[in-house]
Amino acid sequence: MDHHWVAKAWLSDVGLPQYSQAFHNHLVDGRMLNSLTRRDLERFLSVTKKFHQISLLLGIELLHALSFDKEALQARRTQCEHQNMDPLVWTNHRVIKWVKEIDLKEFADNLQSSGVHGAVMVLDPSFNTDAMATALGIPGGKHMIRRHLSEEMKALISEARANLQQDSERLSTPTLLRQSSLCRSPGSASRRSEDEGSLRRRACKPPLGCSSKSHGARDLGFHGSCGSLPREGRSEAPPRAEGSPMHGYSGIEVTNV
């Protein structure tokens, strides 16, 4: 996952191509995605909208769950391209296609560059019908249209969330439904030093399934000690197990998307 793929393909898939230039300028590749925090997004990559930050972080959560294997991700997306299944891996474009299929074509294009994608719909428990209706630009007075959207979303997402929960319980692994981290209050975890979590040019632990000796023993660190970002805040990042990079958020509110 080089920085060209991240800036062009991945950002388009999550529905936020407007940040492509910033990601490209800072050479954000797959390894760097794995260590991004909301502070990095806002401070260095000009992602100031809260929902857009959450959208990107949930997109990263999906990549992390798949060990940053873009071939596996693409294979799953291909399987559900013409079937309303496995919405977890849906791109923004696939969500727009689904909206058109459920007879809401007039609102579908409002999701372009909105940051709404499958991982947001499935992984965030607070993303409900009202959030989707707001993103689509459906007026509050259109009660029947909103009810229709509610039924369609329930049919699509409920099973996906249930299956995700069952798989987590069966495998005795933490669920990807990050309700605890999304709803965590800005406590001690968010009151760390000011520069904690800033973009680092460091050789961090590779994602699951990756090895620093892979790809012909080439060093997969963050381009050594060089980089286009400030050198400040290079203290070691807290282990991922201590919380999602989304800590400090009380939930998602879709506005101006």
C-alpha atoms as a PDB file:
ATOM      1  CA  MET A   1       0.000   0.000   0.000  1.00  0.00           C
ATOM      2  CA  ASP A   2       2.172   2.828  -1.247  1.00  0.00           C
ATOM      3  CA  HIS A   3       1.246   6.477  -0.840  1.00  0.00           C
ATOM      4  CA  HIS A   4      -0.040   6.705  -4.412  1.00  0.00           C
ATOM      5  CA  TRP A   5      -2.618   3.991  -3.708  1.00  0.00           C
ATOM      6  CA  VAL A   6      -3.656   5.587  -0.438  1.00  0.00           C
ATOM      7  CA  ALA A   7      -4.030   9.073  -1.929  1.00  0.00           C
ATOM      8  CA  LYS A   8      -5.891   8.012  -5.044  1.00  0.00           C
ATOM      9  CA  ALA A   9      -7.664   4.678  -4.585  1.00  0.00           C
ATOM     10  CA  TRP A  10      -8.229   4.388  -0.832  1.00  0.00           C
ATOM     11  CA  LEU A  11      -9.425   7.942  -0.227  1.00  0.00           C
ATOM     12  CA  SER A  12     -11.802   7.593  -3.157  1.00  0.00           C
ATOM     13  CA  ASP A  13     -13.105   4.314  -1.725  1.00  0.00           C
ATOM     14  CA  VAL A  14     -13.931   5.897   1.629  1.00  0.00           C
ATOM     15  CA  GLY A  15     -15.553   8.835  -0.118  1.00  0.00           C
ATOM     16  CA  LEU A  16     -13.052  11.537   0.769  1.00  0.00           C
ATOM     17  CA  PRO A  17     -11.032  12.225  -2.387  1.00  0.00           C
ATOM     18  CA  GLN A  18     -10.822  15.921  -1.481  1.00  0.00           C
ATOM     19  CA  TYR A  19      -7.942  15.097   0.880  1.00  0.00           C
ATOM     20  CA  SER A  20      -5.912  13.305  -1.776  1.00  0.00           C
ATOM     21  CA  GLN A  21      -3.365  16.080  -2.267  1.00  0.00           C
ATOM     22  CA  ALA A  22      -2.621  16.441   1.457  1.00  0.00           C
ATOM     23  CA  PHE A  23      -2.131  12.676   1.878  1.00  0.00           C
ATOM     24  CA  HIS A  24       0.059  12.552  -1.204  1.00  0.00           C
ATOM     25  CA  ASN A  25       2.202  15.488  -0.092  1.00  0.00           C
ATOM     26  CA  HIS A  26       2.893  13.795   3.245  1.00  0.00           C
ATOM     27  CA  LEU A  27       3.594  10.408   1.628  1.00  0.00           C
ATOM     28  CA  VAL A  28       0.938   8.653   3.715  1.00  0.00           C
ATOM     29  CA  ASP A  29       1.242   4.963   2.876  1.00  0.00           C
ATOM     30  CA  GLY A  30      -0.281   1.844   4.415  1.00  0.00           C
ATOM     31  CA  ARG A  31       2.239   1.697   7.231  1.00  0.00           C
ATOM     32  CA  MET A  32       1.576   5.298   8.193  1.00  0.00           C
ATOM     33  CA  LEU A  33      -2.187   4.779   8.054  1.00  0.00           C
ATOM     34  CA  ASN A  34      -1.738   2.189  10.787  1.00  0.00           C
ATOM     35  CA  SER A  35      -0.451   4.849  13.199  1.00  0.00           C
ATOM     36  CA  LEU A  36      -2.611   7.841  12.265  1.00  0.00           C
ATOM     37  CA  THR A  37      -4.603   9.553  14.989  1.00  0.00           C
ATOM     38  CA  ARG A  38      -7.346  12.149  14.849  1.00  0.00           C
ATOM     39  CA  ARG A  39      -4.774  14.766  15.888  1.00  0.00           C
ATOM     40  CA  ASP A  40      -2.614  13.838  12.903  1.00  0.00           C
ATOM     41  CA  LEU A  41      -5.591  14.141  10.585  1.00  0.00           C
ATOM     42  CA  GLU A  42      -6.482  17.601  11.813  1.00  0.00           C
ATOM     43  CA  ARG A  43      -3.036  19.042  12.404  1.00  0.00           C
ATOM     44  CA  PHE A  44      -1.120  17.762   9.398  1.00  0.00           C
ATOM     45  CA  LEU A  45      -3.660  16.589   6.841  1.00  0.00           C
ATOM     46  CA  SER A  46      -6.259  19.375   7.160  1.00  0.00           C
ATOM     47  CA  VAL A  47      -9.114  17.018   8.038  1.00  0.00           C
ATOM     48  CA  THR A  48     -11.069  19.283  10.391  1.00  0.00           C
ATOM     49  CA  LYS A  49     -14.582  17.877  10.127  1.00  0.00           C
ATOM     50  CA  LYS A  50     -15.295  15.427  12.920  1.00  0.00           C
ATOM     51  CA  PHE A  51     -17.282  13.032  10.764  1.00  0.00           C
ATOM     52  CA  HIS A  52     -14.554  12.942   8.139  1.00  0.00           C
ATOM     53  CA  GLN A  53     -12.012  12.069  10.823  1.00  0.00           C
ATOM     54  CA  ILE A  54     -14.210   9.227  12.050  1.00  0.00           C
ATOM     55  CA  SER A  55     -14.771   8.020   8.494  1.00  0.00           C
ATOM     56  CA  LEU A  56     -11.038   7.789   7.865  1.00  0.00           C
ATOM     57  CA  LEU A  57     -10.318   6.098  11.185  1.00  0.00           C
ATOM     58  CA  LEU A  58     -13.029   3.495  10.630  1.00  0.00           C
ATOM     59  CA  GLY A  59     -11.654   2.884   7.153  1.00  0.00           C
ATOM     60  CA  ILE A  60      -8.292   2.231   8.806  1.00  0.00           C
ATOM     61  CA  GLU A  61      -9.962  -0.109  11.317  1.00  0.00           C
ATOM     62  CA  LEU A  62     -11.241  -2.182   8.401  1.00  0.00           C
ATOM     63  CA  LEU A  63      -7.786  -2.332   6.829  1.00  0.00           C
ATOM     64  CA  HIS A  64      -6.321  -3.357  10.170  1.00  0.00           C
ATOM     65  CA  ALA A  65      -8.893  -6.156  10.519  1.00  0.00           C
ATOM     66  CA  LEU A  66      -7.795  -7.474   7.118  1.00  0.00           C
ATOM     67  CA  SER A  67      -4.091  -7.193   7.998  1.00  0.00           C
ATOM     68  CA  PHE A  68      -3.760  -4.404   5.426  1.00  0.00           C
ATOM     69  CA  ASP A  69      -4.220  -6.946   2.630  1.00  0.00           C
ATOM     70  CA  LYS A  70      -5.726  -4.926  -0.211  1.00  0.00           C
ATOM     71  CA  GLU A  71      -6.050  -8.033  -2.403  1.00  0.00           C
ATOM     72  CA  ALA A  72      -8.263  -9.690   0.218  1.00  0.00           C
ATOM     73  CA  LEU A  73     -10.265  -6.487   0.538  1.00  0.00           C
ATOM     74  CA  GLN A  74     -10.774  -6.244  -3.214  1.00  0.00           C
ATOM     75  CA  ALA A  75     -11.796  -9.909  -3.413  1.00  0.00           C
ATOM     76  CA  ARG A  76     -14.553  -9.369  -0.862  1.00  0.00           C
ATOM     77  CA  ARG A  77     -15.719  -6.213  -2.618  1.00  0.00           C
ATOM     78  CA  THR A  78     -15.908  -8.046  -5.930  1.00  0.00           C
ATOM     79  CA  GLN A  79     -18.126 -10.727  -4.410  1.00  0.00           C
ATOM     80  CA  CYS A  80     -20.675  -8.191  -3.202  1.00  0.00           C
ATOM     81  CA  GLU A  81     -20.583  -5.809  -6.146  1.00  0.00           C
ATOM     82  CA  HIS A  82     -23.903  -7.087  -7.495  1.00  0.00           C
ATOM     83  CA  GLN A  83     -25.369  -8.454  -4.274  1.00  0.00           C
ATOM     84  CA  ASN A  84     -26.462  -6.617  -1.151  1.00  0.00           C
ATOM     85  CA  MET A  85     -24.192  -8.557   1.164  1.00  0.00           C
ATOM     86  CA  ASP A  86     -21.062  -7.932   3.243  1.00  0.00           C
ATOM     87  CA  PRO A  87     -21.691  -4.162   3.568  1.00  0.00           C
ATOM     88  CA  LEU A  88     -18.697  -3.863   5.908  1.00  0.00           C
ATOM     89  CA  VAL A  89     -16.347  -3.675   2.926  1.00  0.00           C
ATOM     90  CA  TRP A  90     -18.496  -1.457   0.717  1.00  0.00           C
ATOM     91  CA  THR A  91     -16.884   1.576  -0.818  1.00  0.00           C
ATOM     92  CA  ASN A  92     -18.564   4.950  -0.972  1.00  0.00           C
ATOM     93  CA  HIS A  93     -19.381   4.205  -4.610  1.00  0.00           C
ATOM     94  CA  ARG A  94     -21.046   0.899  -3.662  1.00  0.00           C
ATOM     95  CA  VAL A  95     -23.135   2.656  -1.011  1.00  0.00           C
ATOM     96  CA  ILE A  96     -24.277   5.193  -3.600  1.00  0.00           C
ATOM     97  CA  LYS A  97     -25.234   2.333  -5.911  1.00  0.00           C
ATOM     98  CA  TRP A  98     -27.272   0.738  -3.100  1.00  0.00           C
ATOM     99  CA  VAL A  99     -29.071   4.014  -2.406  1.00  0.00           C
ATOM    100  CA  LYS A 100     -30.095   4.168  -6.051  1.00  0.00           C
ATOM    101  CA  GLU A 101     -31.282   0.563  -5.927  1.00  0.00           C
ATOM    102  CA  ILE A 102     -33.639   1.279  -3.012  1.00  0.00           C
ATOM    103  CA  ASP A 103     -35.400   3.986  -5.033  1.00  0.00           C
ATOM    104  CA  LEU A 104     -33.659   6.991  -3.499  1.00  0.00           C
ATOM    105  CA  LYS A 105     -31.796   7.936  -6.653  1.00  0.00           C
ATOM    106  CA  GLU A 106     -32.606  11.624  -6.315  1.00  0.00           C
ATOM    107  CA  PHE A 107     -30.558  11.800  -3.100  1.00  0.00           C
ATOM    108  CA  ALA A 108     -27.749   9.380  -3.981  1.00  0.00           C
ATOM    109  CA  ASP A 109     -25.267  11.858  -5.426  1.00  0.00           C
ATOM    110  CA  ASN A 110     -25.247  13.779  -2.126  1.00  0.00           C
ATOM    111  CA  LEU A 111     -23.067  10.992  -0.739  1.00  0.00           C
ATOM    112  CA  GLN A 112     -20.199  11.869  -3.059  1.00  0.00           C
ATOM    113  CA  SER A 113     -17.223  13.166  -1.055  1.00  0.00           C
ATOM    114  CA  SER A 114     -19.270  12.619   2.121  1.00  0.00           C
ATOM    115  CA  GLY A 115     -17.121   9.998   3.832  1.00  0.00           C
ATOM    116  CA  VAL A 116     -19.995   7.512   4.085  1.00  0.00           C
ATOM    117  CA  HIS A 117     -18.807   3.976   3.356  1.00  0.00           C
ATOM    118  CA  GLY A 118     -19.553   0.460   4.557  1.00  0.00           C
ATOM    119  CA  ALA A 119     -17.273   0.460   7.576  1.00  0.00           C
ATOM    120  CA  VAL A 120     -18.977   3.586   8.893  1.00  0.00           C
ATOM    121  CA  MET A 121     -22.410   2.030   8.436  1.00  0.00           C
ATOM    122  CA  VAL A 122     -21.499  -1.231  10.161  1.00  0.00           C
ATOM    123  CA  LEU A 123     -18.796  -0.426  12.707  1.00  0.00           C
ATOM    124  CA  ASP A 124     -20.235   2.713  14.265  1.00  0.00           C
ATOM    125  CA  PRO A 125     -23.323   1.956  16.379  1.00  0.00           C
ATOM    126  CA  SER A 126     -24.293   5.629  16.390  1.00  0.00           C
ATOM    127  CA  PHE A 127     -24.578   5.795  12.608  1.00  0.00           C
ATOM    128  CA  ASN A 128     -28.340   5.385  12.254  1.00  0.00           C
ATOM    129  CA  THR A 129     -31.118   6.311   9.880  1.00  0.00           C
ATOM    130  CA  ASP A 130     -31.048   9.965  10.913  1.00  0.00           C
ATOM    131  CA  ALA A 131     -27.313  10.166  10.217  1.00  0.00           C
ATOM    132  CA  MET A 132     -27.735   8.588   6.798  1.00  0.00           C
ATOM    133  CA  ALA A 133     -30.756  10.775   5.985  1.00  0.00           C
ATOM    134  CA  THR A 134     -28.747  13.868   6.893  1.00  0.00           C
ATOM    135  CA  ALA A 135     -25.880  12.746   4.669  1.00  0.00           C
ATOM    136  CA  LEU A 136     -28.335  12.123   1.841  1.00  0.00           C
ATOM    137  CA  GLY A 137     -29.969  15.491   2.314  1.00  0.00           C
ATOM    138  CA  ILE A 138     -33.438  14.061   2.934  1.00  0.00           C
ATOM    139  CA  PRO A 139     -35.604  16.795   4.516  1.00  0.00           C
ATOM    140  CA  GLY A 140     -36.879  16.122   8.023  1.00  0.00           C
ATOM    141  CA  GLY A 141     -40.454  16.451   6.827  1.00  0.00           C
ATOM    142  CA  LYS A 142     -40.127  13.525   4.411  1.00  0.00           C
ATOM    143  CA  HIS A 143     -41.317  11.004   7.003  1.00  0.00           C
ATOM    144  CA  MET A 144     -42.288   8.219   4.617  1.00  0.00           C
ATOM    145  CA  ILE A 145     -38.978   8.429   2.765  1.00  0.00           C
ATOM    146  CA  ARG A 146     -37.082   8.308   6.044  1.00  0.00           C
ATOM    147  CA  ARG A 147     -39.153   5.329   7.178  1.00  0.00           C
ATOM    148  CA  HIS A 148     -38.353   3.561   3.922  1.00  0.00           C
ATOM    149  CA  LEU A 149     -34.652   4.294   4.416  1.00  0.00           C
ATOM    150  CA  SER A 150     -34.868   2.973   7.974  1.00  0.00           C
ATOM    151  CA  GLU A 151     -36.306  -0.360   6.854  1.00  0.00           C
ATOM    152  CA  GLU A 152     -33.715  -0.772   4.112  1.00  0.00           C
ATOM    153  CA  MET A 153     -30.826   0.070   6.422  1.00  0.00           C
ATOM    154  CA  LYS A 154     -32.117  -2.324   9.055  1.00  0.00           C
ATOM    155  CA  ALA A 155     -32.301  -5.140   6.519  1.00  0.00           C
ATOM    156  CA  LEU A 156     -28.779  -4.424   5.285  1.00  0.00           C
ATOM    157  CA  ILE A 157     -26.858  -3.610   8.444  1.00  0.00           C
ATOM    158  CA  SER A 158     -28.483  -5.551  11.287  1.00  0.00           C
ATOM    159  CA  GLU A 159     -27.339  -8.923   9.991  1.00  0.00           C
ATOM    160  CA  ALA A 160     -23.824  -7.662   9.293  1.00  0.00           C
ATOM    161  CA  ARG A 161     -23.477  -6.285  12.824  1.00  0.00           C
ATOM    162  CA  ALA A 162     -24.900  -9.477  14.340  1.00  0.00           C
ATOM    163  CA  ASN A 163     -22.529 -11.664  12.337  1.00  0.00           C
ATOM    164  CA  LEU A 164     -19.583  -9.504  13.355  1.00  0.00           C
ATOM    165  CA  GLN A 165     -20.526  -9.823  17.008  1.00  0.00           C
ATOM    166  CA  GLN A 166     -20.995 -13.603  16.725  1.00  0.00           C
ATOM    167  CA  ASP A 167     -17.641 -14.053  15.030  1.00  0.00           C
ATOM    168  CA  SER A 168     -15.937 -12.052  17.754  1.00  0.00           C
ATOM    169  CA  GLU A 169     -17.553 -14.135  20.493  1.00  0.00           C
ATOM    170  CA  ARG A 170     -16.815 -17.427  18.744  1.00  0.00           C
ATOM    171  CA  LEU A 171     -13.169 -16.530  18.212  1.00  0.00           C
ATOM    172  CA  SER A 172     -12.862 -14.867  21.632  1.00  0.00           C
ATOM    173  CA  THR A 173     -11.527 -11.723  20.001  1.00  0.00           C
ATOM    174  CA  PRO A 174     -12.547  -8.092  20.528  1.00  0.00           C
ATOM    175  CA  THR A 175     -15.382  -6.961  18.315  1.00  0.00           C
ATOM    176  CA  LEU A 176     -14.771  -4.315  15.692  1.00  0.00           C
ATOM    177  CA  LEU A 177     -17.867  -2.489  16.855  1.00  0.00           C
ATOM    178  CA  ARG A 178     -15.961   0.260  18.609  1.00  0.00           C
ATOM    179  CA  GLN A 179     -18.828   1.559  20.719  1.00  0.00           C
ATOM    180  CA  SER A 180     -16.695   1.770  23.841  1.00  0.00           C
ATOM    181  CA  SER A 181     -13.984   3.797  22.138  1.00  0.00           C
ATOM    182  CA  LEU A 182     -16.403   5.960  20.211  1.00  0.00           C
ATOM    183  CA  CYS A 183     -18.298   6.789  23.380  1.00  0.00           C
ATOM    184  CA  ARG A 184     -15.300   7.163  25.652  1.00  0.00           C
ATOM    185  CA  SER A 185     -15.267  10.502  27.410  1.00  0.00           C
ATOM    186  CA  PRO A 186     -12.228  12.732  26.990  1.00  0.00           C
ATOM    187  CA  GLY A 187     -10.548  11.387  30.110  1.00  0.00           C
ATOM    188  CA  SER A 188      -6.990  10.498  30.902  1.00  0.00           C
ATOM    189  CA  ALA A 189      -6.450   8.826  27.549  1.00  0.00           C
ATOM    190  CA  SER A 190      -7.068  12.120  25.757  1.00  0.00           C
ATOM    191  CA  ARG A 191      -5.128  14.224  28.228  1.00  0.00           C
ATOM    192  CA  ARG A 192      -1.724  12.959  27.216  1.00  0.00           C
ATOM    193  CA  SER A 193       1.069  15.206  26.140  1.00  0.00           C
ATOM    194  CA  GLU A 194       0.173  17.655  23.402  1.00  0.00           C
ATOM    195  CA  ASP A 195       2.269  16.061  20.726  1.00  0.00           C
ATOM    196  CA  GLU A 196       1.314  12.457  21.459  1.00  0.00           C
ATOM    197  CA  GLY A 197       0.208  10.609  18.378  1.00  0.00           C
ATOM    198  CA  SER A 198       1.562  13.105  15.851  1.00  0.00           C
ATOM    199  CA  LEU A 199       2.703  11.633  12.571  1.00  0.00           C
ATOM    200  CA  ARG A 200       5.961   9.828  13.133  1.00  0.00           C
ATOM    201  CA  ARG A 201       8.663   8.766  10.786  1.00  0.00           C
ATOM    202  CA  ARG A 202       9.401   5.701  12.837  1.00  0.00           C
ATOM    203  CA  ALA A 203       9.679   2.002  12.235  1.00  0.00           C
ATOM    204  CA  CYS A 204       6.500   1.006  13.995  1.00  0.00           C
ATOM    205  CA  LYS A 205       5.242  -2.504  14.497  1.00  0.00           C
ATOM    206  CA  PRO A 206       3.884  -3.773  11.175  1.00  0.00           C
ATOM    207  CA  PRO A 207       0.218  -4.676  10.816  1.00  0.00           C
ATOM    208  CA  LEU A 208      -0.916  -8.240  11.394  1.00  0.00           C
ATOM    209  CA  GLY A 209       0.332 -10.547   8.705  1.00  0.00           C
ATOM    210  CA  CYS A 210       3.164  -8.232   7.695  1.00  0.00           C
ATOM    211  CA  SER A 211       6.843  -8.562   8.402  1.00  0.00           C
ATOM    212  CA  SER A 212       9.649  -6.076   8.233  1.00  0.00           C
ATOM    213  CA  LYS A 213      11.622  -8.753   6.403  1.00  0.00           C
ATOM    214  CA  SER A 214       9.031  -9.267   3.728  1.00  0.00           C
ATOM    215  CA  HIS A 215       9.233  -7.925   0.190  1.00  0.00           C
ATOM    216  CA  GLY A 216      12.819  -8.932  -0.334  1.00  0.00           C
ATOM    217  CA  ALA A 217      13.968  -7.955   3.150  1.00  0.00           C
ATOM    218  CA  ARG A 218      13.318  -4.336   2.303  1.00  0.00           C
ATOM    219  CA  ASP A 219      12.959  -2.070   5.287  1.00  0.00           C
ATOM    220  CA  LEU A 220       9.312  -1.069   5.552  1.00  0.00           C
ATOM    221  CA  GLY A 221       9.872   1.676   8.088  1.00  0.00           C
ATOM    222  CA  PHE A 222       8.642   5.198   7.560  1.00  0.00           C
ATOM    223  CA  HIS A 223      11.347   6.173   5.095  1.00  0.00           C
ATOM    224  CA  GLY A 224      14.013   6.079   7.786  1.00  0.00           C
ATOM    225  CA  SER A 225      14.512   9.311   9.692  1.00  0.00           C
ATOM    226  CA  CYS A 226      13.418  11.499   6.807  1.00  0.00           C
ATOM    227  CA  GLY A 227       9.998  12.792   6.020  1.00  0.00           C
ATOM    228  CA  SER A 228       7.957  15.777   4.986  1.00  0.00           C
ATOM    229  CA  LEU A 229       6.400  16.269   8.400  1.00  0.00           C
ATOM    230  CA  PRO A 230       7.756  17.983  11.514  1.00  0.00           C
ATOM    231  CA  ARG A 231      10.103  15.903  13.613  1.00  0.00           C
ATOM    232  CA  GLU A 232       8.334  16.813  16.821  1.00  0.00           C
ATOM    233  CA  GLY A 233       6.306  14.443  18.907  1.00  0.00           C
ATOM    234  CA  ARG A 234       8.229  11.281  18.069  1.00  0.00           C
ATOM    235  CA  SER A 235       7.681   9.725  21.451  1.00  0.00           C
ATOM    236  CA  GLU A 236       6.537   6.121  21.198  1.00  0.00           C
ATOM    237  CA  ALA A 237       2.846   5.797  20.458  1.00  0.00           C
ATOM    238  CA  PRO A 238       0.643   4.000  23.001  1.00  0.00           C
ATOM    239  CA  PRO A 239      -0.081   0.365  22.083  1.00  0.00           C
ATOM    240  CA  ARG A 240      -3.113  -0.054  19.886  1.00  0.00           C
ATOM    241  CA  ALA A 241      -4.677  -2.415  22.404  1.00  0.00           C
ATOM    242  CA  GLU A 242      -5.164   0.447  24.845  1.00  0.00           C
ATOM    243  CA  GLY A 243      -7.816   1.936  22.626  1.00  0.00           C
ATOM    244  CA  SER A 244      -8.892   2.767  19.158  1.00  0.00           C
ATOM    245  CA  PRO A 245      -7.387   5.842  17.487  1.00  0.00           C
ATOM    246  CA  MET A 246     -10.883   7.242  17.833  1.00  0.00           C
ATOM    247  CA  HIS A 247     -10.605   7.785  21.608  1.00  0.00           C
ATOM    248  CA  GLY A 248     -12.159  10.957  22.862  1.00  0.00           C
ATOM    249  CA  TYR A 249     -15.165  10.947  20.556  1.00  0.00           C
ATOM    250  CA  SER A 250     -18.636  10.804  22.033  1.00  0.00           C
ATOM    251  CA  GLY A 251     -20.198   9.678  18.773  1.00  0.00           C
ATOM    252  CA  ILE A 252     -20.701  10.706  15.206  1.00  0.00           C
ATOM    253  CA  GLU A 253     -22.777  13.641  14.102  1.00  0.00           C
ATOM    254  CA  VAL A 254     -23.077  14.028  10.367  1.00  0.00           C
ATOM    255  CA  THR A 255     -23.054  17.681   9.393  1.00  0.00           C
ATOM    256  CA  ASN A 256     -22.274  19.383   6.125  1.00  0.00           C
ATOM    257  CA  VAL A 257     -21.184  16.245   4.389  1.00  0.00           C
END
